[in-house]
Amino acid sequence: MTGRPNSLAARDVASLIHPYTNLDKHKTDGPLVIARGEGVYVYDETGKRYLEGMAGLWSTSLGFSEKRLVDAAQRQMEQLPTYHIFNSRSTEPSIEAAEELLKIVPKGLGKVLFANSGSEANDQAAKIVWFYNNALGRPRKKRIIGRVRGYHGITVFSGSMTGLPANHVEWDLPVGGVLRTDCPSHYLYGRPGESEAQFVDRLVANLEDMIIREGPDTIGAFIAEPVNGAGGVIVPPADYFPRIQQVLRRYDILMIADEVICGFGRTGEMFGCDTFGIEPDIMTVAKALSSAYLPISATIISDTIADAISRHSGKLGNFAHGFTYAGHPVAAAVALETLRIYKERDIVAQVKALAPHLQSRLRALGSHPLVGEARGVGLIGALQLVADKATRRPLPPAEGIGALIQQGAMARGVIVRAGPDAVFVCPPLIITPAQIDEMMDAVAAALDEAHAVAEQRGLLGRAQSAAG
């Protein structure tokens, strides 16, 4: 593929650095070049079709050929292709997109601050926490609590709030100002004999103990995804977030809900906050805000926070934060049309109708010898990979069994994503039951294929002692 010097693959290797890619391996393997999309499918440069079981990057909610979004971009491009919202300037699309967002977000959220990516939305959420506490005369109340396996982006500070080793090792992260608390996965982190209720009790107690130990006057916010995405599609116990928020309120700590993956119907409600009983002070959205057709994100803040930072910026003479492309008129026009489509087509009802079928197909794979836990909610799910179901012993990451499953599904025309210890699915919200079956049939066959390889390599069953 990379042997032809003028091929797209060879030109890619010669010119691009790819995110989240083994760059050395890429030199020889080259890229999969995607040429076009239609519905839930994408096609490579040879014409091979793939069902996009990850909606791109958890993001292309309306599939790859929604003409209304293309038309919205074209109309706005012809009318006003670009402008900014600095210095009290504005544009109609940015105003209308903000208004539509505020109609559907959880109660109490009252102002929208646009940006371009989930990382930026979370980064500026942290800055808002700092600016807000300065406005209230609380200069020490700045640290932010993230969670193990949380993912909040890859800028310097959003990457620090992220709780995944790969985003820290060799990157000199995390920087200061971040504390870390438990991941709410009973399967991965529950103690032997510990019930789910006891597990939640322990996590809540650990959080409160840390807050008291570190000093509530030094902690400004807690950030969490309703369902951890890249950290493993961790679905929390039902009472986890209400219990966590009781602690946060006790110590006047803001709740930041990272809805970058969960927002706009993914969990079976408009937002993950609605699914899990979260009442955020700040909420971040991106990805499905425009069905990923154009880069746009938003940090949505409570009226209380908005009032405080408004007064403080008046005192300082300026709110000295913002991005050139924040509220970009073309991106905002596409986001606005996306929100209209969600409403007109009742995307939440559509997900609720489809979710039982996807979740039943996932749960059926829970009996597979490579799968320790099958989990999910709405139209998102994961299969936890194990070497031994009884002991929950993980497969050695260096063996690349997850990558084999990903490759096996791709060979069958389905794109899924493998993490270090799990395989994820997150299809476009427009998927049909038959397409769900197509996706899960490919995953099941790829699991069988990878199981045979793991068995051949002697990776399965209980770990042998050193003497054995």
Protein backbone atom coordinates (compact mmCIF):
# COMPACT_ATOMS: atom_id res chain seq x y z
CA MET A 1 0.00 0.00 0.00
CA THR A 2 2.80 2.45 0.83
CA GLY A 3 5.07 1.05 -1.90
CA ARG A 4 3.72 3.27 -4.69
CA PRO A 5 5.51 6.63 -4.24
CA ASN A 6 2.59 8.73 -5.50
CA SER A 7 -0.18 6.81 -3.73
CA LEU A 8 -2.23 8.55 -1.06
CA ALA A 9 -0.85 6.10 1.50
CA ALA A 10 2.77 6.91 0.64
CA ARG A 11 2.08 10.64 0.63
CA ASP A 12 0.39 10.31 4.02
CA VAL A 13 3.40 8.54 5.54
CA ALA A 14 5.70 11.20 4.10
CA SER A 15 3.75 14.17 5.42
CA LEU A 16 1.41 13.49 8.36
CA ILE A 17 1.69 12.81 12.07
CA HIS A 18 -1.37 10.87 13.21
CA PRO A 19 -2.96 11.24 16.67
CA TYR A 20 -3.24 8.10 18.79
CA THR A 21 -1.15 6.06 16.36
CA ASN A 22 2.00 3.96 16.66
CA LEU A 23 4.02 6.36 14.51
CA ASP A 24 6.88 3.95 13.91
CA LYS A 25 4.55 1.12 12.85
CA HIS A 26 2.62 3.56 10.66
CA LYS A 27 5.72 4.08 8.50
CA THR A 28 5.39 0.53 7.20
CA ASP A 29 1.67 -0.17 7.57
CA GLY A 30 0.39 3.16 6.27
CA PRO A 31 -3.16 4.51 6.65
CA LEU A 32 -6.64 3.35 5.81
CA VAL A 33 -7.68 6.19 3.51
CA ILE A 34 -11.40 6.93 3.81
CA ALA A 35 -12.79 8.47 0.63
CA ARG A 36 -16.52 8.98 1.20
CA GLY A 37 -19.45 8.25 3.49
CA GLU A 38 -23.10 7.33 3.21
CA GLY A 39 -25.42 6.82 6.17
CA VAL A 40 -23.67 4.69 8.79
CA TYR A 41 -21.06 3.52 6.26
CA VAL A 42 -17.72 4.88 5.07
CA TYR A 43 -15.78 3.72 2.00
CA ASP A 44 -12.03 3.50 1.57
CA GLU A 45 -10.14 4.56 -1.55
CA THR A 46 -10.56 1.10 -3.09
CA GLY A 47 -14.34 1.25 -2.64
CA LYS A 48 -14.53 -1.20 0.28
CA ARG A 49 -17.43 -0.42 2.61
CA TYR A 50 -17.22 -0.28 6.43
CA LEU A 51 -20.00 0.10 8.95
CA GLU A 52 -18.65 2.85 11.21
CA GLY A 53 -19.32 1.27 14.59
CA MET A 54 -17.63 4.15 16.45
CA ALA A 55 -19.47 7.02 14.70
CA GLY A 56 -16.02 8.26 13.70
CA LEU A 57 -14.71 9.29 17.12
CA TRP A 58 -17.88 8.81 19.22
CA SER A 59 -19.24 11.79 17.30
CA THR A 60 -20.98 11.42 13.94
CA SER A 61 -24.47 11.00 15.35
CA LEU A 62 -26.39 11.62 12.11
CA GLY A 63 -24.16 9.54 9.86
CA PHE A 64 -21.97 10.59 6.97
CA SER A 65 -24.41 11.96 4.41
CA GLU A 66 -26.91 14.26 6.13
CA LYS A 67 -27.63 16.74 3.35
CA ARG A 68 -29.35 19.25 5.61
CA LEU A 69 -26.05 19.84 7.41
CA VAL A 70 -24.17 20.24 4.13
CA ASP A 71 -26.78 22.71 2.91
CA ALA A 72 -26.66 24.67 6.18
CA ALA A 73 -22.89 25.03 5.84
CA GLN A 74 -23.15 26.10 2.20
CA ARG A 75 -25.84 28.72 2.89
CA GLN A 76 -23.83 30.24 5.72
CA MET A 77 -20.58 30.07 3.77
CA GLU A 78 -22.17 32.10 1.00
CA GLN A 79 -23.71 34.66 3.37
CA LEU A 80 -20.97 35.17 5.98
CA PRO A 81 -18.13 32.64 5.75
CA THR A 82 -16.33 33.76 8.89
CA TYR A 83 -16.44 36.25 11.70
CA HIS A 84 -15.61 36.40 15.40
CA ILE A 85 -17.52 37.17 18.58
CA PHE A 86 -14.76 39.13 20.37
CA ASN A 87 -15.31 42.72 21.55
CA SER A 88 -19.14 42.48 21.64
CA ARG A 89 -19.41 41.42 17.97
CA SER A 90 -21.84 38.64 17.16
CA THR A 91 -23.46 36.64 14.37
CA GLU A 92 -26.96 35.25 13.99
CA PRO A 93 -25.91 31.56 13.91
CA SER A 94 -23.92 31.82 17.16
CA ILE A 95 -26.84 33.55 18.88
CA GLU A 96 -29.39 31.02 17.65
CA ALA A 97 -27.21 28.00 18.40
CA ALA A 98 -26.73 29.25 21.97
CA GLU A 99 -30.46 29.82 22.36
CA GLU A 100 -31.31 26.32 21.12
CA LEU A 101 -28.74 24.76 23.44
CA LEU A 102 -30.16 26.56 26.45
CA LYS A 103 -33.63 25.20 25.67
CA ILE A 104 -32.51 21.59 26.18
CA VAL A 105 -29.71 21.64 28.77
CA PRO A 106 -30.30 20.76 32.44
CA LYS A 107 -32.06 23.28 34.64
CA GLY A 108 -29.94 26.14 35.99
CA LEU A 109 -27.51 26.42 33.09
CA GLY A 110 -27.85 29.86 31.54
CA LYS A 111 -24.93 30.99 29.38
CA VAL A 112 -22.91 29.45 26.53
CA LEU A 113 -19.19 29.92 25.87
CA PHE A 114 -18.27 28.42 22.50
CA ALA A 115 -14.96 26.79 21.53
CA ASN A 116 -13.78 24.30 18.91
CA SER A 117 -13.17 20.94 20.58
CA GLY A 118 -13.99 18.95 23.69
CA SER A 119 -10.48 19.51 24.99
CA GLU A 120 -10.93 23.29 24.70
CA ALA A 121 -14.39 23.15 26.27
CA ASN A 122 -13.02 21.32 29.30
CA ASP A 123 -9.91 23.47 29.47
CA GLN A 124 -11.98 26.64 29.58
CA ALA A 125 -14.32 25.04 32.13
CA ALA A 126 -11.30 24.84 34.45
CA LYS A 127 -10.40 28.46 33.72
CA ILE A 128 -13.97 29.51 34.50
CA VAL A 129 -13.69 27.75 37.88
CA TRP A 130 -10.51 29.71 38.62
CA PHE A 131 -11.91 33.04 37.41
CA TYR A 132 -15.16 32.47 39.33
CA ASN A 133 -13.40 31.76 42.61
CA ASN A 134 -11.16 34.79 42.13
CA ALA A 135 -14.34 36.83 41.58
CA LEU A 136 -15.65 35.56 44.92
CA GLY A 137 -12.40 36.35 46.72
CA ARG A 138 -11.43 32.68 47.16
CA PRO A 139 -7.99 32.52 45.51
CA ARG A 140 -7.12 29.16 47.10
CA LYS A 141 -10.26 27.31 45.91
CA LYS A 142 -8.83 26.21 42.57
CA ARG A 143 -7.92 22.54 42.43
CA ILE A 144 -10.05 20.20 40.33
CA ILE A 145 -10.83 16.58 41.13
CA GLY A 146 -10.71 14.18 38.19
CA ARG A 147 -11.15 10.42 38.24
CA VAL A 148 -9.11 7.37 37.39
CA ARG A 149 -9.99 6.41 33.78
CA GLY A 150 -11.60 9.78 33.13
CA TYR A 151 -10.96 11.36 29.73
CA HIS A 152 -11.35 15.11 29.30
CA GLY A 153 -9.04 15.91 26.40
CA ILE A 154 -5.37 16.46 25.64
CA THR A 155 -4.52 20.14 26.08
CA VAL A 156 -2.08 20.75 28.92
CA PHE A 157 -4.76 21.17 31.56
CA SER A 158 -7.58 19.04 30.12
CA GLY A 159 -4.94 16.34 29.66
CA SER A 160 -4.06 16.75 33.33
CA MET A 161 -7.72 16.29 34.34
CA THR A 162 -7.73 13.14 32.19
CA GLY A 163 -6.91 10.07 34.25
CA LEU A 164 -5.28 7.72 31.73
CA PRO A 165 -1.58 6.81 31.96
CA ALA A 166 -0.95 6.98 28.20
CA ASN A 167 -1.89 10.66 28.24
CA HIS A 168 0.61 11.37 31.02
CA VAL A 169 3.66 9.15 30.54
CA GLU A 170 6.43 11.04 28.68
CA TRP A 171 4.16 14.10 28.31
CA ASP A 172 5.15 15.64 31.69
CA LEU A 173 1.53 15.53 32.80
CA PRO A 174 -0.36 16.04 34.96
CA VAL A 175 0.59 19.58 35.87
CA GLY A 176 -0.33 20.90 39.30
CA GLY A 177 -3.84 21.66 40.44
CA VAL A 178 -5.47 18.26 39.83
CA LEU A 179 -6.51 15.64 42.38
CA ARG A 180 -7.60 12.11 41.46
CA THR A 181 -10.40 9.97 42.87
CA ASP A 182 -11.88 6.55 42.13
CA CYS A 183 -13.35 5.17 38.92
CA PRO A 184 -16.95 3.96 39.47
CA SER A 185 -16.53 0.51 37.91
CA HIS A 186 -17.67 -2.16 40.35
CA TYR A 187 -16.43 -4.87 37.98
CA LEU A 188 -12.89 -3.49 37.75
CA TYR A 189 -12.44 -2.04 41.22
CA GLY A 190 -14.91 -3.75 43.54
CA ARG A 191 -13.30 -5.74 46.35
CA PRO A 192 -13.97 -9.48 46.79
CA GLY A 193 -17.41 -9.90 48.33
CA GLU A 194 -18.18 -6.16 48.13
CA SER A 195 -21.69 -5.42 46.91
CA GLU A 196 -22.33 -2.60 44.46
CA ALA A 197 -23.97 -0.57 47.25
CA GLN A 198 -20.93 -1.08 49.50
CA PHE A 199 -18.67 -0.12 46.58
CA VAL A 200 -20.52 3.19 46.15
CA ASP A 201 -20.33 3.79 49.91
CA ARG A 202 -16.56 3.33 49.75
CA LEU A 203 -16.10 5.65 46.75
CA VAL A 204 -18.22 8.38 48.33
CA ALA A 205 -16.32 8.05 51.63
CA ASN A 206 -12.96 8.15 49.79
CA LEU A 207 -13.97 11.34 48.02
CA GLU A 208 -15.09 13.04 51.20
CA ASP A 209 -11.97 11.91 53.08
CA MET A 210 -9.77 13.37 50.33
CA ILE A 211 -11.65 16.68 50.35
CA ILE A 212 -11.26 16.98 54.11
CA ARG A 213 -7.60 15.95 53.98
CA GLU A 214 -6.71 18.34 51.16
CA GLY A 215 -8.87 21.18 52.45
CA PRO A 216 -12.27 22.13 50.98
CA ASP A 217 -11.09 25.72 50.63
CA THR A 218 -8.51 24.53 48.05
CA ILE A 219 -10.89 22.54 45.81
CA GLY A 220 -12.98 24.32 43.19
CA ALA A 221 -14.63 21.58 41.12
CA PHE A 222 -15.15 17.91 40.35
CA ILE A 223 -15.19 16.83 36.68
CA ALA A 224 -16.74 13.62 35.38
CA GLU A 225 -18.20 12.06 32.26
CA PRO A 226 -21.64 10.56 32.95
CA VAL A 227 -20.28 7.44 31.19
CA ASN A 228 -16.50 7.25 30.94
CA GLY A 229 -15.73 7.03 27.22
CA ALA A 230 -12.11 6.36 26.28
CA GLY A 231 -11.49 5.08 29.81
CA GLY A 232 -13.60 2.01 29.11
CA VAL A 233 -17.28 2.94 28.67
CA ILE A 234 -17.76 2.72 32.42
CA VAL A 235 -21.46 2.88 33.33
CA PRO A 236 -21.74 4.04 36.96
CA PRO A 237 -24.06 2.50 39.56
CA ALA A 238 -27.46 4.19 39.58
CA ASP A 239 -26.98 6.08 42.85
CA TYR A 240 -23.33 7.01 42.30
CA PHE A 241 -23.74 10.57 41.00
CA PRO A 242 -26.52 11.65 43.41
CA ARG A 243 -24.36 10.46 46.30
CA ILE A 244 -21.23 12.16 44.93
CA GLN A 245 -23.10 15.43 44.47
CA GLN A 246 -24.26 15.42 48.07
CA VAL A 247 -20.60 15.53 49.08
CA LEU A 248 -19.75 18.24 46.56
CA ARG A 249 -22.58 20.48 47.77
CA ARG A 250 -21.51 19.98 51.38
CA TYR A 251 -18.14 21.55 50.59
CA ASP A 252 -19.26 24.07 47.93
CA ILE A 253 -17.45 22.29 45.09
CA LEU A 254 -18.73 22.80 41.53
CA MET A 255 -19.89 19.87 39.40
CA ILE A 256 -18.52 19.85 35.82
CA ALA A 257 -20.34 17.34 33.60
CA ASP A 258 -18.28 16.37 30.57
CA GLU A 259 -20.98 15.51 28.01
CA VAL A 260 -18.62 15.49 25.03
CA ILE A 261 -19.45 11.84 24.27
CA CYS A 262 -22.71 11.33 26.16
CA GLY A 263 -24.56 14.44 25.00
CA PHE A 264 -27.41 14.65 22.47
CA GLY A 265 -29.14 11.31 22.94
CA ARG A 266 -26.29 8.84 23.21
CA THR A 267 -27.39 7.40 26.60
CA GLY A 268 -31.11 7.30 25.78
CA GLU A 269 -31.84 10.77 27.19
CA MET A 270 -30.83 14.11 25.72
CA PHE A 271 -27.85 14.23 28.09
CA GLY A 272 -26.05 11.77 30.34
CA CYS A 273 -26.94 14.16 33.17
CA ASP A 274 -30.60 13.25 32.59
CA THR A 275 -29.80 9.53 32.60
CA PHE A 276 -27.76 9.52 35.81
CA GLY A 277 -29.30 12.29 37.92
CA ILE A 278 -26.51 14.86 37.56
CA GLU A 279 -27.23 18.53 38.27
CA PRO A 280 -24.22 20.31 36.78
CA ASP A 281 -22.92 23.78 37.51
CA ILE A 282 -20.92 23.60 34.27
CA MET A 283 -21.50 21.29 31.32
CA THR A 284 -19.29 20.76 28.28
CA VAL A 285 -20.44 19.53 24.86
CA ALA A 286 -18.78 18.94 21.47
CA LYS A 287 -18.74 16.03 18.95
CA ALA A 288 -22.49 15.41 18.33
CA LEU A 289 -23.23 19.14 18.74
CA SER A 290 -22.65 19.34 14.98
CA SER A 291 -22.66 15.59 14.30
CA ALA A 292 -18.91 16.31 13.95
CA TYR A 293 -19.49 17.86 10.53
CA LEU A 294 -17.59 20.97 11.64
CA PRO A 295 -15.50 21.62 14.77
CA ILE A 296 -17.55 23.29 17.52
CA SER A 297 -17.86 22.86 21.26
CA ALA A 298 -19.42 24.71 24.16
CA THR A 299 -18.94 25.25 27.87
CA ILE A 300 -22.35 25.96 29.39
CA ILE A 301 -22.38 27.60 32.82
CA SER A 302 -24.94 28.27 35.51
CA ASP A 303 -26.59 31.64 35.93
CA THR A 304 -24.85 31.95 39.32
CA ILE A 305 -21.40 31.53 37.79
CA ALA A 306 -22.28 33.75 34.82
CA ASP A 307 -23.40 36.59 37.09
CA ALA A 308 -20.22 36.39 39.18
CA ILE A 309 -17.79 36.35 36.25
CA SER A 310 -19.74 39.13 34.53
CA ARG A 311 -19.33 41.41 37.54
CA HIS A 312 -15.65 40.48 37.83
CA SER A 313 -14.92 41.18 34.16
CA GLY A 314 -16.60 44.56 34.60
CA LYS A 315 -14.27 45.27 37.48
CA LEU A 316 -11.22 44.20 35.45
CA GLY A 317 -12.40 45.90 32.26
CA ASN A 318 -12.29 42.71 30.18
CA PHE A 319 -13.04 38.98 30.12
CA ALA A 320 -9.64 38.08 28.70
CA HIS A 321 -10.39 34.65 27.30
CA GLY A 322 -11.60 33.32 23.95
CA PHE A 323 -10.76 31.59 20.67
CA THR A 324 -10.70 33.12 17.20
CA TYR A 325 -13.10 30.49 15.90
CA ALA A 326 -15.42 30.38 18.94
CA GLY A 327 -18.98 30.57 17.64
CA HIS A 328 -17.70 30.51 14.05
CA PRO A 329 -20.79 31.27 11.95
CA VAL A 330 -20.51 28.24 9.64
CA ALA A 331 -19.87 25.79 12.48
CA ALA A 332 -22.66 27.39 14.52
CA ALA A 333 -25.07 27.17 11.57
CA VAL A 334 -24.34 23.45 11.24
CA ALA A 335 -24.76 22.96 15.00
CA LEU A 336 -28.07 24.81 14.89
CA GLU A 337 -29.34 22.60 12.06
CA THR A 338 -28.15 19.51 13.96
CA LEU A 339 -30.13 20.55 17.03
CA ARG A 340 -33.20 21.12 14.84
CA ILE A 341 -32.86 17.62 13.37
CA TYR A 342 -32.61 16.08 16.85
CA LYS A 343 -35.86 17.78 17.80
CA GLU A 344 -37.77 17.10 14.57
CA ARG A 345 -36.78 13.44 14.42
CA ASP A 346 -37.04 12.92 18.19
CA ILE A 347 -33.57 11.42 18.35
CA VAL A 348 -33.99 10.51 22.02
CA ALA A 349 -37.02 8.32 21.28
CA GLN A 350 -35.10 6.77 18.39
CA VAL A 351 -32.22 5.81 20.66
CA LYS A 352 -34.59 4.45 23.30
CA ALA A 353 -36.17 2.22 20.68
CA LEU A 354 -32.84 0.91 19.38
CA ALA A 355 -30.92 0.60 22.66
CA PRO A 356 -32.49 -2.66 23.92
CA HIS A 357 -31.39 -4.46 20.76
CA LEU A 358 -27.79 -3.22 20.91
CA GLN A 359 -27.54 -3.89 24.64
CA SER A 360 -28.98 -7.41 24.29
CA ARG A 361 -26.45 -8.22 21.55
CA LEU A 362 -23.66 -6.89 23.77
CA ARG A 363 -24.86 -8.81 26.83
CA ALA A 364 -25.03 -12.01 24.79
CA LEU A 365 -21.28 -11.69 24.18
CA GLY A 366 -20.72 -11.57 27.93
CA SER A 367 -20.59 -15.36 27.89
CA HIS A 368 -17.70 -15.41 25.42
CA PRO A 369 -14.50 -16.80 27.02
CA LEU A 370 -12.56 -13.60 26.21
CA VAL A 371 -15.20 -11.30 27.74
CA GLY A 372 -15.24 -10.54 31.44
CA GLU A 373 -18.02 -7.98 31.36
CA ALA A 374 -20.35 -6.67 28.66
CA ARG A 375 -21.65 -3.22 29.59
CA GLY A 376 -23.34 -0.22 28.10
CA VAL A 377 -26.31 2.13 28.03
CA GLY A 378 -28.25 3.62 25.13
CA LEU A 379 -26.17 3.28 21.96
CA ILE A 380 -22.74 2.93 23.55
CA GLY A 381 -21.10 -0.17 24.97
CA ALA A 382 -17.93 -2.12 25.70
CA LEU A 383 -16.62 -5.65 26.09
CA GLN A 384 -14.03 -6.05 28.84
CA LEU A 385 -11.33 -8.47 27.70
CA VAL A 386 -9.89 -11.01 30.13
CA ALA A 387 -7.56 -13.97 30.11
CA ASP A 388 -9.58 -15.70 32.83
CA LYS A 389 -13.24 -15.00 33.56
CA ALA A 390 -13.17 -16.41 37.10
CA THR A 391 -10.24 -14.34 38.34
CA ARG A 392 -10.83 -11.39 35.96
CA ARG A 393 -7.16 -11.53 35.07
CA PRO A 394 -6.50 -9.17 32.13
CA LEU A 395 -4.77 -10.14 28.93
CA PRO A 396 -1.20 -8.85 28.60
CA PRO A 397 -1.50 -5.53 26.70
CA ALA A 398 1.67 -6.27 24.73
CA GLU A 399 -0.05 -9.27 23.11
CA GLY A 400 -2.41 -6.89 21.28
CA ILE A 401 -5.53 -9.07 21.50
CA GLY A 402 -7.79 -6.01 21.45
CA ALA A 403 -6.07 -4.81 18.29
CA LEU A 404 -6.61 -8.25 16.73
CA ILE A 405 -10.35 -7.95 17.42
CA GLN A 406 -10.37 -4.49 15.88
CA GLN A 407 -8.56 -5.78 12.81
CA GLY A 408 -10.81 -8.84 12.57
CA ALA A 409 -13.93 -6.67 12.61
CA MET A 410 -12.42 -4.37 10.00
CA ALA A 411 -11.66 -7.31 7.73
CA ARG A 412 -15.40 -8.04 7.93
CA GLY A 413 -16.31 -4.48 7.03
CA VAL A 414 -16.97 -3.08 10.51
CA ILE A 415 -15.00 -0.42 12.38
CA VAL A 416 -14.86 -0.67 16.18
CA ARG A 417 -12.24 0.59 18.61
CA ALA A 418 -9.93 -1.35 20.88
CA GLY A 419 -8.55 0.11 24.09
CA PRO A 420 -5.85 -1.51 26.22
CA ASP A 421 -8.35 -3.85 27.88
CA ALA A 422 -11.70 -3.45 26.12
CA VAL A 423 -13.43 -3.17 22.76
CA PHE A 424 -15.89 -0.31 22.27
CA VAL A 425 -18.93 0.30 20.07
CA CYS A 426 -20.65 3.66 19.62
CA PRO A 427 -22.50 3.71 16.29
CA PRO A 428 -24.29 6.63 14.63
CA LEU A 429 -27.68 7.25 16.23
CA ILE A 430 -29.35 6.61 12.86
CA ILE A 431 -28.33 2.94 12.82
CA THR A 432 -31.05 0.33 12.18
CA PRO A 433 -31.62 -2.99 14.00
CA ALA A 434 -30.31 -4.89 10.96
CA GLN A 435 -27.16 -2.77 10.94
CA ILE A 436 -26.71 -3.39 14.67
CA ASP A 437 -26.78 -7.10 13.87
CA GLU A 438 -24.26 -6.58 11.06
CA MET A 439 -21.94 -4.78 13.48
CA MET A 440 -22.27 -7.25 16.34
CA ASP A 441 -21.98 -10.32 14.07
CA ALA A 442 -18.61 -8.99 12.91
CA VAL A 443 -17.51 -8.33 16.50
CA ALA A 444 -18.55 -11.86 17.55
CA ALA A 445 -16.60 -13.44 14.69
CA ALA A 446 -13.56 -11.28 15.47
CA LEU A 447 -13.76 -12.35 19.13
CA ASP A 448 -13.74 -16.01 18.10
CA GLU A 449 -10.75 -15.41 15.85
CA ALA A 450 -8.83 -13.55 18.58
CA HIS A 451 -9.71 -16.24 21.12
CA ALA A 452 -8.09 -18.88 18.92
CA VAL A 453 -4.91 -16.77 18.73
CA ALA A 454 -4.90 -16.18 22.51
CA GLU A 455 -5.36 -19.90 23.09
CA GLN A 456 -2.55 -20.73 20.69
CA ARG A 457 -0.26 -18.33 22.54
CA GLY A 458 -1.13 -19.86 25.91
CA LEU A 459 -2.61 -16.65 27.28
CA LEU A 460 -5.88 -18.05 28.67
CA GLY A 461 -6.88 -19.63 31.94
CA ARG A 462 -5.47 -19.04 35.37
CA ALA A 463 -2.03 -17.48 35.61
CA GLN A 464 0.74 -19.99 36.17
CA SER A 465 3.02 -19.63 39.15
CA ALA A 466 6.63 -18.72 38.56
CA ALA A 467 7.65 -22.24 39.55
CA GLY A 468 5.09 -23.73 37.17
